[in-house]
N, C-alpha and C. Protein backbone atom coordinates (compact mmCIF):
# COMPACT_ATOMS: atom_id res chain seq x y z
N UNK A 1 7.27 63.19 -38.89
CA UNK A 1 7.87 65.00 -39.20
C UNK A 1 8.31 65.01 -37.86
N UNK A 2 9.83 65.68 -37.68
CA UNK A 2 10.32 65.88 -36.72
C UNK A 2 9.52 67.31 -35.63
N UNK A 3 8.96 67.15 -34.35
CA UNK A 3 8.98 68.51 -33.90
C UNK A 3 9.50 69.27 -33.67
N UNK A 4 9.41 70.52 -33.99
CA UNK A 4 10.62 71.44 -33.30
C UNK A 4 10.34 71.70 -31.63
N UNK A 5 11.21 72.02 -30.33
CA UNK A 5 11.42 72.72 -29.20
C UNK A 5 9.84 73.13 -28.94
N UNK A 6 9.72 74.27 -29.68
CA UNK A 6 8.74 74.94 -29.80
C UNK A 6 6.91 74.59 -29.58
N UNK A 7 7.17 73.56 -31.04
CA UNK A 7 5.43 72.74 -31.01
C UNK A 7 5.60 71.97 -30.28
N UNK A 8 6.55 71.27 -29.53
CA UNK A 8 6.53 70.07 -28.51
C UNK A 8 6.27 70.68 -27.28
N UNK A 9 6.52 71.84 -27.31
CA UNK A 9 6.21 72.78 -25.49
C UNK A 9 4.54 72.78 -25.94
N UNK A 10 4.15 73.39 -27.21
CA UNK A 10 3.25 74.30 -27.06
C UNK A 10 2.04 73.13 -27.65
N UNK A 11 2.65 71.33 -27.96
CA UNK A 11 1.48 70.49 -28.10
C UNK A 11 1.72 70.09 -26.24
N UNK A 12 2.73 70.14 -25.20
CA UNK A 12 2.51 69.80 -24.19
C UNK A 12 1.38 70.41 -23.75
N UNK A 13 1.67 71.61 -23.42
CA UNK A 13 0.76 72.78 -22.99
C UNK A 13 -0.55 72.83 -23.42
N UNK A 14 -1.09 72.40 -24.58
CA UNK A 14 -2.61 72.08 -24.80
C UNK A 14 -2.78 70.67 -24.10
N UNK A 15 -2.45 70.07 -24.13
CA UNK A 15 -2.55 68.24 -23.38
C UNK A 15 -2.92 68.45 -22.19
N UNK A 16 -2.06 69.84 -21.62
CA UNK A 16 -2.26 70.09 -20.44
C UNK A 16 -3.71 70.68 -19.95
N UNK A 17 -3.84 71.91 -20.59
CA UNK A 17 -4.86 72.78 -20.62
C UNK A 17 -6.53 71.64 -20.82
N UNK A 18 -6.30 70.66 -22.02
CA UNK A 18 -7.62 69.74 -22.46
C UNK A 18 -7.92 69.16 -20.72
N UNK A 19 -6.71 68.04 -20.23
CA UNK A 19 -6.92 67.84 -19.27
C UNK A 19 -7.12 68.07 -18.27
N UNK A 20 -6.93 69.31 -17.86
CA UNK A 20 -7.28 70.66 -16.71
C UNK A 20 -9.20 70.84 -16.85
N UNK A 21 -9.46 71.13 -17.85
CA UNK A 21 -11.07 71.48 -18.49
C UNK A 21 -11.55 69.93 -17.77
N UNK A 22 -10.87 69.11 -18.35
CA UNK A 22 -11.80 67.60 -17.94
C UNK A 22 -12.05 68.06 -16.81
N UNK A 23 -11.23 68.09 -16.15
CA UNK A 23 -11.10 67.35 -14.61
C UNK A 23 -12.10 68.50 -13.45
N UNK A 24 -12.26 69.72 -14.55
CA UNK A 24 -12.94 70.62 -14.09
C UNK A 24 -14.63 70.76 -14.90
N UNK A 25 -14.94 70.13 -15.64
CA UNK A 25 -15.98 69.96 -16.05
C UNK A 25 -17.53 69.79 -14.98
N UNK A 26 -17.90 70.31 -15.19
CA UNK A 26 -18.60 70.48 -14.33
C UNK A 26 -20.67 70.15 -14.56
N UNK A 27 -21.39 69.91 -14.15
CA UNK A 27 -22.89 69.70 -15.17
C UNK A 27 -23.87 70.40 -13.78
N UNK A 28 -24.67 71.06 -14.21
CA UNK A 28 -26.02 72.10 -13.46
C UNK A 28 -26.85 71.31 -12.98
N UNK A 29 -27.74 71.01 -11.98
CA UNK A 29 -29.13 70.61 -11.80
C UNK A 29 -29.56 71.28 -10.83
N UNK A 30 -31.40 71.46 -10.98
CA UNK A 30 -31.91 71.89 -10.47
C UNK A 30 -33.11 71.15 -9.26
N UNK A 31 -32.42 71.87 -8.20
CA UNK A 31 -33.68 71.23 -6.79
C UNK A 31 -33.80 72.23 -6.48
N UNK A 32 -35.68 72.12 -6.10
CA UNK A 32 -36.34 72.82 -5.36
C UNK A 32 -36.30 74.15 -5.45
N UNK A 33 -36.42 74.66 -7.07
CA UNK A 33 -36.36 75.53 -7.80
C UNK A 33 -34.96 76.07 -7.52
N UNK A 34 -33.65 75.99 -7.41
CA UNK A 34 -32.21 76.54 -7.05
C UNK A 34 -31.32 75.65 -8.56
N UNK A 35 -31.10 76.28 -8.79
CA UNK A 35 -29.81 75.74 -9.60
C UNK A 35 -28.36 75.86 -8.76
N UNK A 36 -27.81 74.12 -9.05
CA UNK A 36 -26.69 74.09 -8.48
C UNK A 36 -25.68 73.30 -9.45
N UNK A 37 -24.47 73.39 -9.04
CA UNK A 37 -23.42 73.08 -10.52
C UNK A 37 -22.41 71.75 -9.09
N UNK A 38 -21.75 70.78 -10.13
CA UNK A 38 -21.18 69.70 -9.14
C UNK A 38 -20.12 69.17 -10.15
N UNK A 39 -19.05 69.13 -9.65
CA UNK A 39 -17.83 68.27 -11.01
C UNK A 39 -18.29 67.00 -11.53
N UNK A 40 -18.24 66.69 -12.53
CA UNK A 40 -18.73 65.62 -13.56
C UNK A 40 -18.79 64.40 -12.48
N UNK A 41 -18.03 64.33 -12.23
CA UNK A 41 -17.34 62.84 -11.70
C UNK A 41 -18.27 62.59 -10.44
N UNK A 42 -18.97 63.60 -10.38
CA UNK A 42 -20.39 62.95 -9.32
C UNK A 42 -21.57 62.61 -10.05
N UNK A 43 -21.76 62.71 -11.48
CA UNK A 43 -22.79 61.95 -12.05
C UNK A 43 -22.55 60.99 -12.25
N UNK A 44 -22.95 60.21 -12.12
CA UNK A 44 -22.91 58.19 -12.06
C UNK A 44 -23.73 57.60 -13.52
N UNK A 45 -23.27 56.89 -14.56
CA UNK A 45 -23.65 56.22 -15.40
C UNK A 45 -24.23 55.13 -14.97
N UNK A 46 -23.29 54.37 -14.66
CA UNK A 46 -23.10 53.01 -14.73
C UNK A 46 -23.70 52.54 -13.25
N UNK A 47 -24.18 50.98 -12.77
CA UNK A 47 -24.03 50.80 -11.57
C UNK A 47 -23.19 50.15 -11.29
N UNK A 48 -23.51 49.74 -9.81
CA UNK A 48 -22.52 48.77 -8.88
C UNK A 48 -21.29 47.86 -10.00
N UNK A 49 -22.43 47.50 -10.67
CA UNK A 49 -22.01 46.14 -11.32
C UNK A 49 -21.06 46.71 -12.67
N UNK A 50 -20.95 47.45 -12.93
CA UNK A 50 -21.06 48.24 -14.52
C UNK A 50 -21.70 48.74 -15.48
N UNK A 51 -22.94 48.36 -15.08
CA UNK A 51 -23.85 48.42 -16.16
C UNK A 51 -24.02 49.69 -16.34
N UNK A 52 -24.92 50.02 -17.97
CA UNK A 52 -25.29 51.38 -17.84
C UNK A 52 -26.88 51.49 -17.60
N UNK A 53 -26.76 52.41 -16.56
CA UNK A 53 -27.92 53.47 -16.28
C UNK A 53 -28.69 53.81 -17.59
N UNK A 54 -29.92 53.14 -17.13
CA UNK A 54 -31.20 54.22 -17.75
C UNK A 54 -30.75 55.65 -18.17
N UNK A 55 -31.05 56.24 -16.92
CA UNK A 55 -31.00 58.08 -16.75
C UNK A 55 -29.29 58.10 -15.44
N UNK A 56 -28.64 59.33 -15.99
CA UNK A 56 -27.71 59.10 -14.98
C UNK A 56 -28.08 59.88 -13.61
N UNK A 57 -27.25 58.77 -12.60
CA UNK A 57 -27.68 59.43 -11.11
C UNK A 57 -26.82 60.34 -10.41
N UNK A 58 -27.44 61.24 -9.74
CA UNK A 58 -26.12 62.04 -8.76
C UNK A 58 -25.58 61.37 -7.42
N UNK A 59 -24.49 61.79 -7.56
CA UNK A 59 -24.11 60.39 -6.18
C UNK A 59 -23.50 61.31 -5.57
N UNK A 60 -24.16 61.67 -4.37
CA UNK A 60 -23.84 62.92 -3.47
C UNK A 60 -22.92 61.86 -1.85
N UNK A 61 -21.99 61.95 -2.31
CA UNK A 61 -20.97 61.45 -1.81
C UNK A 61 -21.11 62.99 -0.33
N UNK A 62 -19.80 62.45 0.57
CA UNK A 62 -19.71 63.69 1.54
C UNK A 62 -18.61 64.99 0.91
N UNK A 63 -18.28 64.83 -0.05
CA UNK A 63 -17.57 65.43 -0.35
C UNK A 63 -18.49 66.55 -1.59
N UNK A 64 -19.55 66.14 -2.48
CA UNK A 64 -20.65 66.40 -3.35
C UNK A 64 -21.48 66.82 -2.37
N UNK A 65 -21.74 66.67 -1.12
CA UNK A 65 -22.62 66.92 0.04
C UNK A 65 -22.07 68.60 0.59
N UNK A 66 -20.77 68.70 0.54
CA UNK A 66 -20.12 69.80 1.61
C UNK A 66 -20.37 70.74 0.51
N UNK A 67 -19.85 70.86 -0.64
CA UNK A 67 -19.91 71.43 -1.82
C UNK A 67 -21.43 71.92 -2.09
N UNK A 68 -22.41 71.02 -2.21
CA UNK A 68 -23.84 71.70 -2.07
C UNK A 68 -24.82 72.23 -0.95
N UNK A 69 -23.71 72.39 -0.16
CA UNK A 69 -24.16 72.87 0.97
C UNK A 69 -23.65 73.86 1.46
N UNK A 70 -23.01 74.29 0.98
CA UNK A 70 -22.00 75.70 1.00
C UNK A 70 -22.81 76.66 -0.17
N UNK A 71 -23.02 75.88 -1.44
CA UNK A 71 -23.89 76.55 -2.48
C UNK A 71 -25.20 77.03 -2.17
N UNK A 72 -26.03 76.41 -1.19
CA UNK A 72 -27.31 76.41 -0.82
C UNK A 72 -27.35 77.70 0.17
N UNK A 73 -26.05 77.94 1.68
CA UNK A 73 -26.43 78.69 2.29
C UNK A 73 -25.97 79.89 1.52
N UNK A 74 -25.08 80.33 0.69
CA UNK A 74 -25.18 81.36 -0.13
C UNK A 74 -26.06 82.23 -0.91
N UNK A 75 -26.63 80.95 -1.33
CA UNK A 75 -28.15 81.48 -2.42
C UNK A 75 -29.01 81.91 -1.46
N UNK A 76 -28.99 81.86 -0.36
CA UNK A 76 -29.73 81.70 0.41
C UNK A 76 -29.99 82.75 1.38
N UNK A 77 -28.53 82.50 2.13
CA UNK A 77 -28.21 83.29 3.38
C UNK A 77 -26.96 83.86 3.16
N UNK A 78 -26.78 85.14 2.17
CA UNK A 78 -25.80 85.60 1.20
C UNK A 78 -25.14 86.58 2.45
N UNK A 79 -25.33 87.07 3.52
CA UNK A 79 -25.01 87.34 5.25
C UNK A 79 -24.05 86.14 5.77
N UNK A 80 -24.84 85.09 5.23
CA UNK A 80 -24.24 84.53 6.69
C UNK A 80 -22.72 84.38 5.81
N UNK A 81 -21.69 83.40 6.65
CA UNK A 81 -20.35 82.58 6.31
C UNK A 81 -20.73 81.77 6.76
N UNK A 82 -20.29 80.78 5.64
CA UNK A 82 -20.16 79.23 5.81
C UNK A 82 -19.12 78.88 5.18
N UNK A 83 -19.04 77.73 6.42
CA UNK A 83 -17.89 77.02 6.22
C UNK A 83 -17.81 75.69 6.30
N UNK A 84 -17.12 74.59 5.54
CA UNK A 84 -18.01 73.19 5.51
C UNK A 84 -16.33 72.33 5.43
N UNK A 85 -16.94 71.32 6.02
CA UNK A 85 -15.43 70.16 6.05
C UNK A 85 -16.36 69.43 6.04
N UNK A 86 -15.32 68.05 5.29
CA UNK A 86 -16.01 66.71 5.28
C UNK A 86 -14.76 65.60 5.87
N UNK A 87 -14.97 64.43 5.53
CA UNK A 87 -14.03 63.59 6.29
C UNK A 87 -14.96 62.20 6.05
N UNK A 88 -14.15 61.44 5.54
CA UNK A 88 -14.41 59.82 5.52
C UNK A 88 -13.50 59.11 6.89
N UNK A 89 -14.44 57.62 6.78
CA UNK A 89 -13.80 56.92 7.68
C UNK A 89 -14.28 55.93 7.45
N UNK A 90 -13.71 54.08 8.34
CA UNK A 90 -14.58 52.76 8.27
C UNK A 90 -15.88 52.95 8.62
N UNK A 91 -16.79 52.27 7.85
CA UNK A 91 -17.76 52.51 7.83
C UNK A 91 -18.67 53.76 7.29
N UNK A 92 -17.98 54.32 7.09
CA UNK A 92 -19.16 55.69 6.71
C UNK A 92 -18.30 57.38 5.87
N UNK A 93 -19.00 58.36 6.42
CA UNK A 93 -18.57 60.00 6.10
C UNK A 93 -19.32 60.77 6.35
N UNK A 94 -18.52 61.91 6.63
CA UNK A 94 -19.57 62.91 7.44
C UNK A 94 -19.12 64.40 6.98
N UNK A 95 -20.47 65.41 7.15
CA UNK A 95 -20.59 66.79 6.42
C UNK A 95 -20.71 67.52 7.86
N UNK A 96 -19.80 68.49 7.89
CA UNK A 96 -19.40 69.82 9.00
C UNK A 96 -19.64 70.73 8.02
N UNK A 97 -21.03 71.68 8.92
CA UNK A 97 -21.40 72.88 7.82
C UNK A 97 -21.28 73.99 9.33
N UNK A 98 -20.90 75.01 9.10
CA UNK A 98 -20.04 75.68 9.86
C UNK A 98 -20.79 77.20 9.68
N UNK A 99 -22.29 78.48 10.68
CA UNK A 99 -22.90 79.72 9.85
C UNK A 99 -21.88 80.31 11.34
N UNK A 100 -22.34 81.23 10.79
CA UNK A 100 -21.91 82.70 11.90
C UNK A 100 -22.20 83.90 10.52
N UNK A 101 -21.62 84.66 10.96
CA UNK A 101 -21.97 86.06 10.93
C UNK A 101 -20.51 86.84 10.90
N UNK A 102 -19.72 87.49 9.87
CA UNK A 102 -18.73 87.86 9.81
C UNK A 102 -17.91 88.74 10.85
N UNK A 103 -18.06 88.53 11.99
CA UNK A 103 -17.73 89.09 13.06
C UNK A 103 -17.46 87.67 14.37
N UNK A 104 -18.44 86.44 13.90
CA UNK A 104 -17.91 86.10 14.58
C UNK A 104 -19.52 85.28 15.50
N UNK A 105 -20.69 85.90 15.51
CA UNK A 105 -21.39 85.64 16.06
C UNK A 105 -22.81 84.43 15.48
N UNK A 106 -23.40 84.29 16.20
CA UNK A 106 -24.51 82.80 15.81
C UNK A 106 -25.35 83.91 14.90
N UNK A 107 -26.12 82.63 14.16
CA UNK A 107 -27.41 83.19 13.23
C UNK A 107 -27.43 82.81 13.62
N UNK A 108 -29.53 82.68 13.64
CA UNK A 108 -30.78 83.11 13.60
C UNK A 108 -31.45 81.52 13.43
N UNK A 109 -31.51 80.61 14.74
CA UNK A 109 -31.89 79.40 14.65
C UNK A 109 -32.59 78.91 13.58
N UNK A 110 -33.25 79.55 12.94
CA UNK A 110 -34.26 79.28 12.09
C UNK A 110 -33.69 79.05 10.88
N UNK A 111 -32.48 79.46 10.33
CA UNK A 111 -30.93 79.59 9.67
C UNK A 111 -30.32 78.40 10.11
N UNK A 112 -30.61 77.71 10.74
CA UNK A 112 -29.74 76.57 11.16
C UNK A 112 -30.71 75.22 10.83
N UNK A 113 -32.18 75.30 11.00
CA UNK A 113 -32.74 74.86 11.18
C UNK A 113 -33.05 74.50 9.60
N UNK A 114 -33.20 75.68 8.80
CA UNK A 114 -33.45 75.28 7.55
C UNK A 114 -32.28 74.57 6.37
N UNK A 115 -31.34 74.83 6.71
CA UNK A 115 -29.86 74.54 6.49
C UNK A 115 -29.92 72.80 6.55
N UNK A 116 -29.87 72.55 8.22
CA UNK A 116 -29.98 71.36 8.13
C UNK A 116 -31.11 70.71 7.84
N UNK A 117 -32.05 71.09 7.57
CA UNK A 117 -33.39 70.26 6.91
C UNK A 117 -33.15 70.01 5.47
N UNK A 118 -32.73 71.12 4.92
CA UNK A 118 -32.33 70.84 3.47
C UNK A 118 -31.36 69.90 2.59
N UNK A 119 -30.00 69.45 4.03
CA UNK A 119 -29.05 68.78 3.66
C UNK A 119 -29.42 67.17 4.61
N UNK A 120 -30.59 66.96 4.84
CA UNK A 120 -31.23 65.50 5.34
C UNK A 120 -31.28 64.92 4.41
N UNK A 121 -31.46 65.76 2.43
CA UNK A 121 -32.09 65.02 1.35
C UNK A 121 -30.21 63.72 0.94
N UNK A 122 -29.81 64.76 1.66
CA UNK A 122 -28.37 63.61 1.44
C UNK A 122 -27.91 62.59 1.89
N UNK A 123 -29.00 63.04 2.96
CA UNK A 123 -28.41 61.59 3.90
C UNK A 123 -29.04 60.32 4.02
N UNK A 124 -28.62 59.67 4.17
CA UNK A 124 -29.60 57.97 3.71
C UNK A 124 -30.34 57.27 5.16
N UNK A 125 -29.75 58.16 5.96
CA UNK A 125 -30.11 57.12 7.81
C UNK A 125 -30.45 57.72 8.23
N UNK A 126 -30.48 57.41 9.41
CA UNK A 126 -30.19 57.88 10.81
C UNK A 126 -29.29 56.66 11.78
N UNK A 127 -28.48 57.31 12.93
CA UNK A 127 -27.86 55.76 13.74
C UNK A 127 -28.55 56.31 14.84
N UNK A 128 -29.02 54.67 15.10
CA UNK A 128 -29.75 54.18 16.48
C UNK A 128 -29.11 53.84 17.47
N UNK A 129 -29.24 54.55 18.61
CA UNK A 129 -28.38 54.97 19.70
C UNK A 129 -28.50 53.58 20.85
N UNK A 130 -30.06 53.10 20.69
CA UNK A 130 -30.24 52.37 20.96
C UNK A 130 -29.85 50.69 20.49
N UNK A 131 -29.92 50.16 19.46
CA UNK A 131 -29.17 49.05 18.62
C UNK A 131 -27.82 49.62 18.31
N UNK A 132 -27.25 50.40 18.69
CA UNK A 132 -25.94 51.00 17.85
C UNK A 132 -25.98 50.11 16.23
N UNK A 133 -26.36 50.74 15.52
CA UNK A 133 -26.24 50.33 13.92
C UNK A 133 -27.16 51.70 13.69
N UNK A 134 -27.07 51.56 12.12
CA UNK A 134 -27.57 52.86 11.48
C UNK A 134 -28.60 52.35 10.07
N UNK A 135 -29.63 53.09 10.80
CA UNK A 135 -31.01 52.64 10.15
C UNK A 135 -31.79 53.73 8.96
N UNK A 136 -31.23 52.68 8.37
CA UNK A 136 -31.65 53.46 6.44
C UNK A 136 -33.11 53.87 6.28
N UNK A 137 -33.04 55.66 6.01
CA UNK A 137 -34.36 55.51 5.74
C UNK A 137 -35.38 55.11 4.92
N UNK A 138 -36.60 54.81 5.07
CA UNK A 138 -37.52 54.08 3.88
C UNK A 138 -38.12 55.36 3.01
N UNK A 139 -38.64 54.65 1.81
CA UNK A 139 -38.88 55.46 1.21
C UNK A 139 -38.51 55.73 -0.78
N UNK A 140 -38.81 56.24 -1.45
CA UNK A 140 -38.13 56.69 -2.61
C UNK A 140 -37.00 57.45 -2.23
N UNK A 141 -35.76 57.18 -3.54
CA UNK A 141 -34.78 58.13 -3.06
C UNK A 141 -35.00 59.52 -3.56
N UNK A 142 -34.25 60.83 -3.36
CA UNK A 142 -35.04 62.08 -3.40
C UNK A 142 -34.48 62.22 -5.27
N UNK A 143 -35.01 63.34 -5.68
CA UNK A 143 -35.04 63.40 -7.26
C UNK A 143 -34.37 64.86 -7.20
N UNK A 144 -34.62 65.30 -8.69
CA UNK A 144 -34.26 66.65 -9.14
C UNK A 144 -35.42 67.33 -9.55
N UNK A 145 -35.02 68.68 -9.71
CA UNK A 145 -37.03 68.66 -10.53
C UNK A 145 -36.90 68.05 -11.99
N UNK A 146 -36.57 67.80 -12.18
CA UNK A 146 -36.32 67.08 -13.95
C UNK A 146 -36.59 65.62 -13.70
N UNK A 147 -36.69 65.15 -12.43
CA UNK A 147 -36.64 63.59 -11.85
C UNK A 147 -35.28 62.60 -12.28
N UNK A 148 -33.73 63.60 -12.01
CA UNK A 148 -33.14 62.91 -12.05
C UNK A 148 -32.82 62.08 -10.55
N UNK A 149 -32.50 61.28 -10.19
CA UNK A 149 -32.44 60.67 -9.35
C UNK A 149 -30.82 60.55 -8.10
N UNK A 150 -31.20 60.99 -7.23
CA UNK A 150 -30.48 61.48 -6.21
C UNK A 150 -30.28 60.56 -5.36
N UNK A 151 -28.33 60.01 -5.24
CA UNK A 151 -27.99 58.77 -4.50
C UNK A 151 -27.71 59.19 -3.28
N UNK A 152 -28.27 59.46 -1.99
CA UNK A 152 -27.69 59.98 -1.10
C UNK A 152 -27.00 59.13 -0.53
N UNK A 153 -25.81 59.73 -0.24
CA UNK A 153 -24.26 58.68 0.24
C UNK A 153 -23.57 59.87 1.78
N UNK A 154 -24.19 60.38 1.98
CA UNK A 154 -23.58 60.97 3.32
C UNK A 154 -24.05 60.54 4.53
N UNK A 155 -23.21 60.24 5.14
CA UNK A 155 -23.66 59.16 6.59
C UNK A 155 -24.32 60.22 7.51
N UNK A 156 -23.24 60.58 8.05
CA UNK A 156 -23.57 62.20 8.78
C UNK A 156 -23.69 63.97 8.35
N UNK A 157 -24.71 64.06 9.07
CA UNK A 157 -24.13 65.67 8.65
C UNK A 157 -24.61 66.63 9.72
N UNK A 158 -23.74 67.29 10.17
CA UNK A 158 -24.00 68.65 11.17
C UNK A 158 -24.04 69.89 10.62
N UNK A 159 -25.37 70.74 11.17
CA UNK A 159 -24.92 71.90 11.24
C UNK A 159 -24.83 72.56 12.71
N UNK A 160 -23.38 73.34 12.25
CA UNK A 160 -23.03 74.43 13.92
C UNK A 160 -23.64 75.44 13.96
N UNK A 161 -24.30 76.15 14.65
CA UNK A 161 -23.97 77.93 14.76
C UNK A 161 -22.88 78.14 15.57
N UNK A 162 -22.18 78.10 14.25
CA UNK A 162 -20.53 78.76 15.07
C UNK A 162 -19.59 78.91 14.03
N UNK A 163 -18.92 79.94 14.16
CA UNK A 163 -17.59 79.64 13.14
C UNK A 163 -16.92 78.89 13.00
N UNK A 164 -16.22 78.09 11.86
CA UNK A 164 -15.63 76.86 11.92
C UNK A 164 -13.86 77.12 12.44
N UNK A 165 -13.33 76.59 13.27
CA UNK A 165 -11.93 76.87 13.90
C UNK A 165 -10.77 77.60 12.83
N UNK A 166 -10.69 78.44 13.72
CA UNK A 166 -9.17 78.92 12.84
C UNK A 166 -9.66 80.10 11.17
N UNK A 167 -11.54 80.71 10.88
CA UNK A 167 -11.34 81.09 9.90
C UNK A 167 -11.76 82.50 10.11
N UNK A 168 -11.82 83.44 9.93
CA UNK A 168 -11.59 84.78 9.78
C UNK A 168 -12.51 85.57 11.15
N UNK A 169 -13.49 84.66 11.22
CA UNK A 169 -15.19 84.75 11.76
C UNK A 169 -14.59 84.40 13.50
N UNK A 170 -14.07 83.33 13.26
CA UNK A 170 -13.12 82.67 14.82
C UNK A 170 -12.34 83.69 14.83
N UNK A 171 -11.76 84.36 14.38
CA UNK A 171 -10.20 84.45 14.55
C UNK A 171 -11.03 86.04 15.65
N UNK A 172 -11.93 86.62 14.84
CA UNK A 172 -12.74 87.94 15.39
C UNK A 172 -13.24 87.38 17.15
N UNK A 173 -13.93 86.13 16.90
CA UNK A 173 -14.23 85.78 17.87
C UNK A 173 -13.46 85.99 19.32
N UNK A 174 -12.45 85.32 18.77
CA UNK A 174 -11.11 85.41 19.81
C UNK A 174 -10.91 86.04 20.05
N UNK A 175 -10.11 87.33 19.31
CA UNK A 175 -9.43 88.34 19.74
C UNK A 175 -10.18 89.50 20.25
N UNK A 176 -11.87 89.00 20.24
CA UNK A 176 -13.06 90.09 20.70
C UNK A 176 -12.90 89.10 22.48
N UNK A 177 -13.02 88.24 22.04
CA UNK A 177 -13.28 87.50 23.85
C UNK A 177 -11.80 87.92 24.56
N UNK A 178 -10.75 87.45 24.31
CA UNK A 178 -9.38 87.98 24.73
C UNK A 178 -9.09 89.42 24.70
N UNK A 179 -9.61 90.14 24.47
CA UNK A 179 -9.40 91.40 25.03
C UNK A 179 -10.39 92.05 25.67
N UNK A 180 -11.74 91.76 25.54
CA UNK A 180 -12.95 92.49 26.34
C UNK A 180 -13.82 91.20 27.55
N UNK A 181 -13.24 90.00 27.50
CA UNK A 181 -13.80 89.08 28.59
C UNK A 181 -12.58 88.57 29.43
N UNK A 182 -13.08 87.85 30.49
CA UNK A 182 -12.44 86.98 31.43
C UNK A 182 -12.13 85.25 30.77
N UNK A 183 -13.04 85.08 29.81
CA UNK A 183 -13.41 83.76 29.13
C UNK A 183 -11.66 82.94 28.76
N UNK A 184 -10.35 83.42 29.53
CA UNK A 184 -10.05 82.79 29.14
C UNK A 184 -9.21 82.63 30.05
N UNK A 185 -8.31 81.15 30.32
CA UNK A 185 -7.14 81.11 31.38
C UNK A 185 -6.23 81.73 31.62
N UNK A 186 -6.10 83.12 31.04
CA UNK A 186 -5.10 83.71 30.94
C UNK A 186 -5.66 85.51 31.29
N UNK A 187 -6.88 85.26 31.35
CA UNK A 187 -7.66 86.71 31.69
C UNK A 187 -7.53 87.56 29.90
N UNK A 188 -7.68 88.73 30.47
CA UNK A 188 -8.12 89.86 29.63
C UNK A 188 -6.35 90.35 29.46
N UNK A 189 -6.27 90.77 28.23
CA UNK A 189 -4.92 91.08 27.50
C UNK A 189 -5.04 91.98 26.34
N UNK A 190 -4.16 92.27 25.90
CA UNK A 190 -4.21 93.14 24.67
C UNK A 190 -3.97 92.96 23.53
N UNK A 191 -4.61 93.63 22.46
CA UNK A 191 -4.99 93.10 21.13
C UNK A 191 -4.16 92.25 20.82
N UNK A 192 -2.36 93.08 20.84
CA UNK A 192 -1.00 92.52 20.04
C UNK A 192 -0.59 91.37 20.79
N UNK A 193 -1.03 91.44 22.07
CA UNK A 193 -0.98 89.90 22.65
C UNK A 193 -2.36 89.05 22.11
N UNK A 194 -3.45 89.42 21.81
CA UNK A 194 -4.52 88.19 21.40
C UNK A 194 -3.95 87.68 20.23
N UNK A 195 -3.53 88.31 19.52
CA UNK A 195 -3.12 88.25 17.87
C UNK A 195 -2.06 87.23 17.98
N UNK A 196 -1.24 87.55 18.90
CA UNK A 196 -0.20 86.62 19.01
C UNK A 196 -0.79 85.58 19.58
N UNK A 197 -1.32 84.92 20.75
CA UNK A 197 -2.58 84.34 20.62
C UNK A 197 -2.69 83.15 19.92
N UNK A 198 -3.71 84.18 19.01
CA UNK A 198 -4.27 83.39 18.18
C UNK A 198 -3.46 82.86 16.98
N UNK A 199 -2.46 83.29 16.51
CA UNK A 199 -1.48 82.65 15.20
C UNK A 199 -0.36 81.21 16.34
N UNK A 200 -0.72 81.35 17.12
CA UNK A 200 -0.08 80.13 18.43
C UNK A 200 -1.27 79.15 18.36
N UNK A 201 -2.44 79.46 18.34
CA UNK A 201 -3.65 78.47 18.11
C UNK A 201 -3.57 77.83 16.53
N UNK A 202 -3.06 78.27 15.55
CA UNK A 202 -2.73 77.89 14.34
C UNK A 202 -3.77 79.02 13.11
N UNK A 203 -3.84 80.24 13.38
CA UNK A 203 -4.52 81.06 12.55
C UNK A 203 -2.92 81.63 12.00
N UNK A 204 -3.83 82.18 10.39
CA UNK A 204 -2.76 82.41 9.45
C UNK A 204 -2.21 83.87 9.94
N UNK A 205 -1.31 84.92 9.83
CA UNK A 205 -1.17 86.03 9.86
C UNK A 205 -1.85 86.56 9.27
N UNK A 206 -2.24 86.41 7.84
CA UNK A 206 -3.31 87.21 6.62
C UNK A 206 -4.44 87.45 7.61
N UNK A 207 -5.01 85.50 8.10
CA UNK A 207 -5.86 85.89 8.69
C UNK A 207 -6.46 86.73 9.65
N UNK A 208 -5.10 86.76 10.95
CA UNK A 208 -5.55 87.83 11.78
C UNK A 208 -5.73 89.17 11.56
N UNK A 209 -4.80 89.60 10.39
CA UNK A 209 -4.66 91.26 9.92
C UNK A 209 -6.46 91.13 9.15
N UNK A 210 -7.40 90.07 8.69
CA UNK A 210 -8.56 90.53 8.13
C UNK A 210 -9.57 90.55 9.73
N UNK A 211 -9.49 89.90 10.24
CA UNK A 211 -10.13 89.34 11.15
C UNK A 211 -9.64 91.13 12.29
N UNK A 212 -8.56 91.35 12.44
CA UNK A 212 -8.44 92.40 13.17
C UNK A 212 -9.13 94.06 12.60
N UNK A 213 -9.70 94.16 11.07
CA UNK A 213 -10.01 95.29 10.39
C UNK A 213 -11.39 95.01 10.67
N UNK A 214 -12.13 93.20 10.84
CA UNK A 214 -13.87 93.59 11.61
C UNK A 214 -13.68 93.87 12.85
N UNK A 215 -12.77 93.54 13.70
CA UNK A 215 -13.08 93.95 15.15
C UNK A 215 -13.44 95.61 15.37
N UNK A 216 -14.71 95.11 15.97
CA UNK A 216 -15.35 96.77 16.38
C UNK A 216 -16.34 96.40 17.62
């Protein structure tokens, strides 16, 4: 049976919608009495040889870890602004977590320490500067509250007590320092000049406008 153009378009639309749903499908897991969620691509059902696992494992790559770290901060510290970034490179990967208040000021060190401690669950070892090697942790792998294994695969995790460069809190910090201090080589300048400088450093006009509203 021949399909009309409208039927074909509808079929293609449904196919695209189903594909999008499949790509965004997520699973939930409980860890330390907190509920997290991740895309299903981070739930491994087979081992490295392609054999089916008895129980699925959560593969905490740098992308998965950055996702969960952001969720953790938002759940436990709703007044803290959190940004994350992750990258992969030869022989490893890393996650950076940035913490600040909405105006770019540092948060209490106890928050930084807590976030760093939580993130250590997903890091399998530590760099040994004496031997120039990466030493794996001993002991069993971490598990969720219902005993689902967590495979830690984030080689390095850094928690920074400052806003991420170019974020709204960071722009607030830049504008504040440019207009009230001599911290920059060009000295103290007007707000208009500071806004232009921030844009020149890579900030978007939209974020600069948001930052100005927070500048007090």
